[in-house]
C-alpha atoms as a PDB file:
ATOM      1  CA  MET A   1      -0.041  -0.015   0.129  1.00  0.00           C
ATOM      2  CA  THR A   2       0.954   3.683  -0.381  1.00  0.00           C
ATOM      3  CA  ASN A   3       1.294   6.351   2.405  1.00  0.00           C
ATOM      4  CA  LEU A   4      -2.119   7.633   1.325  1.00  0.00           C
ATOM      5  CA  THR A   5      -3.567   4.196   1.475  1.00  0.00           C
ATOM      6  CA  ASN A   6      -2.084   3.556   4.870  1.00  0.00           C
ATOM      7  CA  GLU A   7      -3.151   6.870   6.081  1.00  0.00           C
ATOM      8  CA  LEU A   8      -6.375   6.363   4.848  1.00  0.00           C
ATOM      9  CA  ALA A   9      -6.895   2.920   6.651  1.00  0.00           C
ATOM     10  CA  SER A  10      -5.469   4.578   9.570  1.00  0.00           C
ATOM     11  CA  HIS A  11      -7.982   7.134   9.794  1.00  0.00           C
ATOM     12  CA  LEU A  12     -10.743   4.775   9.250  1.00  0.00           C
ATOM     13  CA  GLN A  13      -9.496   2.514  12.162  1.00  0.00           C
ATOM     14  CA  ALA A  14      -9.133   5.582  14.816  1.00  0.00           C
ATOM     15  CA  ASN A  15     -12.778   6.471  13.727  1.00  0.00           C
ATOM     16  CA  LEU A  16     -14.581   3.090  13.642  1.00  0.00           C
ATOM     17  CA  ASP A  17     -17.524   4.301  15.856  1.00  0.00           C
ATOM     18  CA  ARG A  18     -17.535   7.842  14.545  1.00  0.00           C
ATOM     19  CA  ALA A  19     -19.686   9.276  11.536  1.00  0.00           C
ATOM     20  CA  ILE A  20     -17.208  10.533   9.092  1.00  0.00           C
ATOM     21  CA  VAL A  21     -19.026  10.201   6.007  1.00  0.00           C
ATOM     22  CA  LYS A  22     -22.645  11.512   4.827  1.00  0.00           C
ATOM     23  CA  ASP A  23     -24.795  10.489   2.179  1.00  0.00           C
ATOM     24  CA  GLU A  24     -26.545  13.899   1.528  1.00  0.00           C
ATOM     25  CA  VAL A  25     -29.131  12.629  -0.614  1.00  0.00           C
ATOM     26  CA  THR A  26     -30.140   9.525   1.753  1.00  0.00           C
ATOM     27  CA  ASP A  27     -29.079  11.819   5.157  1.00  0.00           C
ATOM     28  CA  THR A  28     -27.198   8.702   6.246  1.00  0.00           C
ATOM     29  CA  TRP A  29     -23.928   8.811   7.898  1.00  0.00           C
ATOM     30  CA  PHE A  30     -21.142   6.088   7.640  1.00  0.00           C
ATOM     31  CA  THR A  31     -18.834   5.247  10.059  1.00  0.00           C
ATOM     32  CA  GLY A  32     -15.220   3.942  10.036  1.00  0.00           C
ATOM     33  CA  GLN A  33     -16.357   0.308  10.561  1.00  0.00           C
ATOM     34  CA  ASP A  34     -19.110   0.775   7.884  1.00  0.00           C
ATOM     35  CA  LEU A  35     -16.536   1.830   5.457  1.00  0.00           C
ATOM     36  CA  GLN A  36     -14.035  -1.051   6.341  1.00  0.00           C
ATOM     37  CA  HIS A  37     -16.624  -3.461   6.130  1.00  0.00           C
ATOM     38  CA  ASP A  38     -17.713  -2.252   2.656  1.00  0.00           C
ATOM     39  CA  ILE A  39     -13.783  -2.052   1.376  1.00  0.00           C
ATOM     40  CA  ALA A  40     -13.604  -5.582   2.430  1.00  0.00           C
ATOM     41  CA  ILE A  41     -16.665  -6.346   0.551  1.00  0.00           C
ATOM     42  CA  LEU A  42     -15.219  -4.648  -2.802  1.00  0.00           C
ATOM     43  CA  THR A  43     -11.742  -5.820  -2.422  1.00  0.00           C
ATOM     44  CA  THR A  44     -13.144  -9.560  -2.285  1.00  0.00           C
ATOM     45  CA  ALA A  45     -15.450  -9.123  -5.280  1.00  0.00           C
ATOM     46  CA  LEU A  46     -12.720  -7.223  -7.126  1.00  0.00           C
ATOM     47  CA  ARG A  47     -10.300 -10.221  -6.426  1.00  0.00           C
ATOM     48  CA  ALA A  48     -12.958 -12.649  -7.563  1.00  0.00           C
ATOM     49  CA  ALA A  49     -13.153 -10.610 -10.951  1.00  0.00           C
ATOM     50  CA  ASN A  50      -9.507 -11.119 -11.174  1.00  0.00           C
ATOM     51  CA  VAL A  51      -8.787  -7.131 -10.771  1.00  0.00           C
ATOM     52  CA  GLY A  52      -5.165  -6.714  -9.431  1.00  0.00           C
ATOM     53  CA  ARG A  53      -2.084  -4.558  -9.416  1.00  0.00           C
ATOM     54  CA  ASP A  54      -2.153  -2.089 -12.494  1.00  0.00           C
ATOM     55  CA  ASP A  55      -5.429  -2.699 -13.592  1.00  0.00           C
ATOM     56  CA  VAL A  56      -7.699  -0.137 -14.685  1.00  0.00           C
ATOM     57  CA  VAL A  57     -11.816  -0.013 -13.726  1.00  0.00           C
ATOM     58  CA  PHE A  58     -14.210   1.746 -15.476  1.00  0.00           C
ATOM     59  CA  MET A  59     -16.319   3.176 -13.325  1.00  0.00           C
ATOM     60  CA  SER A  60     -19.666   5.612 -14.060  1.00  0.00           C
ATOM     61  CA  LEU A  61     -21.670   5.945 -11.098  1.00  0.00           C
ATOM     62  CA  ASP A  62     -24.063   8.797  -9.558  1.00  0.00           C
ATOM     63  CA  ASN A  63     -21.820  11.017  -7.026  1.00  0.00           C
ATOM     64  CA  SER A  64     -22.226   9.444  -3.709  1.00  0.00           C
ATOM     65  CA  PRO A  65     -20.155   8.281  -0.838  1.00  0.00           C
ATOM     66  CA  VAL A  66     -19.832   4.785  -2.449  1.00  0.00           C
ATOM     67  CA  TYR A  67     -16.612   6.165  -4.203  1.00  0.00           C
ATOM     68  CA  VAL A  68     -14.849   6.268  -0.669  1.00  0.00           C
ATOM     69  CA  PRO A  69     -15.028   2.563  -0.254  1.00  0.00           C
ATOM     70  CA  ILE A  70     -14.433   1.676  -4.165  1.00  0.00           C
ATOM     71  CA  ASN A  71     -11.322   3.908  -4.283  1.00  0.00           C
ATOM     72  CA  HIS A  72      -9.922   2.591  -1.205  1.00  0.00           C
ATOM     73  CA  ALA A  73     -10.392  -0.851  -2.034  1.00  0.00           C
ATOM     74  CA  LEU A  74      -8.869  -0.218  -5.637  1.00  0.00           C
ATOM     75  CA  TRP A  75      -5.624   1.846  -4.048  1.00  0.00           C
ATOM     76  CA  GLN A  76      -5.106  -0.827  -1.487  1.00  0.00           C
ATOM     77  CA  MET A  77      -4.972  -3.500  -4.363  1.00  0.00           C
ATOM     78  CA  GLY A  78      -2.985  -1.655  -6.483  1.00  0.00           C
ATOM     79  CA  ALA A  79      -5.608  -0.633  -9.122  1.00  0.00           C
ATOM     80  CA  THR A  80      -6.883   2.436 -10.595  1.00  0.00           C
ATOM     81  CA  ALA A  81     -10.342   3.969 -11.146  1.00  0.00           C
ATOM     82  CA  HIS A  82     -11.119   5.513 -14.750  1.00  0.00           C
ATOM     83  CA  PRO A  83     -14.001   7.586 -13.512  1.00  0.00           C
ATOM     84  CA  VAL A  84     -16.501   8.859 -16.298  1.00  0.00           C
ATOM     85  CA  ALA A  85     -19.286  11.778 -15.604  1.00  0.00           C
ATOM     86  CA  PRO A  86     -22.327  10.499 -14.887  1.00  0.00           C
ATOM     87  CA  THR A  87     -23.570  13.114 -17.414  1.00  0.00           C
ATOM     88  CA  THR A  88     -21.806  11.281 -20.139  1.00  0.00           C
ATOM     89  CA  GLY A  89     -24.221  10.273 -22.896  1.00  0.00           C
ATOM     90  CA  HIS A  90     -24.595   6.380 -23.270  1.00  0.00           C
ATOM     91  CA  ALA A  91     -23.154   6.248 -26.731  1.00  0.00           C
ATOM     92  CA  GLU A  92     -20.106   7.879 -25.584  1.00  0.00           C
ATOM     93  CA  LEU A  93     -19.803   5.574 -22.420  1.00  0.00           C
ATOM     94  CA  VAL A  94     -20.007   2.528 -24.711  1.00  0.00           C
ATOM     95  CA  ASN A  95     -17.343   4.036 -26.890  1.00  0.00           C
ATOM     96  CA  ASP A  96     -14.925   5.144 -24.297  1.00  0.00           C
ATOM     97  CA  PHE A  97     -15.184   1.544 -23.083  1.00  0.00           C
ATOM     98  CA  GLU A  98     -14.628  -0.131 -26.531  1.00  0.00           C
ATOM     99  CA  GLU A  99     -11.152   1.917 -26.570  1.00  0.00           C
ATOM    100  CA  ALA A 100      -9.607   0.835 -23.834  1.00  0.00           C
ATOM    101  CA  GLN A 101      -9.270  -2.913 -22.217  1.00  0.00           C
ATOM    102  CA  TYR A 102     -10.413  -2.311 -18.561  1.00  0.00           C
ATOM    103  CA  ALA A 103     -10.302  -4.968 -16.120  1.00  0.00           C
ATOM    104  CA  ALA A 104     -13.565  -4.532 -14.945  1.00  0.00           C
ATOM    105  CA  VAL A 105     -16.587  -2.096 -15.371  1.00  0.00           C
ATOM    106  CA  LEU A 106     -18.651  -0.442 -12.447  1.00  0.00           C
ATOM    107  CA  LEU A 107     -21.667   1.101 -13.410  1.00  0.00           C
ATOM    108  CA  ASP A 108     -25.215   1.916 -12.089  1.00  0.00           C
ATOM    109  CA  PRO A 109     -28.114   0.025 -13.586  1.00  0.00           C
ATOM    110  CA  ASP A 110     -29.285   2.527 -15.783  1.00  0.00           C
ATOM    111  CA  ARG A 111     -25.817   2.889 -17.578  1.00  0.00           C
ATOM    112  CA  ALA A 112     -25.329  -0.677 -17.878  1.00  0.00           C
ATOM    113  CA  LYS A 113     -28.340  -0.983 -20.008  1.00  0.00           C
ATOM    114  CA  ALA A 114     -26.211   0.983 -22.677  1.00  0.00           C
ATOM    115  CA  PHE A 115     -23.829  -2.092 -22.737  1.00  0.00           C
ATOM    116  CA  LYS A 116     -26.482  -4.641 -23.686  1.00  0.00           C
ATOM    117  CA  GLY A 117     -25.294  -6.072 -26.745  1.00  0.00           C
ATOM    118  CA  ALA A 118     -21.966  -4.031 -27.060  1.00  0.00           C
ATOM    119  CA  PRO A 119     -18.827  -5.943 -28.115  1.00  0.00           C
ATOM    120  CA  GLY A 120     -17.238  -7.429 -24.988  1.00  0.00           C
ATOM    121  CA  ALA A 121     -20.323  -7.067 -22.781  1.00  0.00           C
ATOM    122  CA  ALA A 122     -21.568  -9.616 -20.483  1.00  0.00           C
END
């Protein structure tokens, strides 16, 4: 892990029971323990999908606290997110995806529909 990921992990550990991240849309607070739990689940899922060091993950999600555990899990693994703005049109999303070889793709359900029938889509 890098100094940044070590520092972030230490901050979460020091704030296990403290509300440190808020979802403004749902008015929900998340503690360090909540975030650690999500990071562990995401890390397990990403490893199961064969994501690892130096991989790039294509990501287009609405702005929310989910970016905190996603990015932390990726950074811990040595992977990188390629975030694409949620305002990007579906055709442009598919084009961007097709221009590169991504280890994984993280999309919300609406954006995932744009990939039905696209080459390489599951």
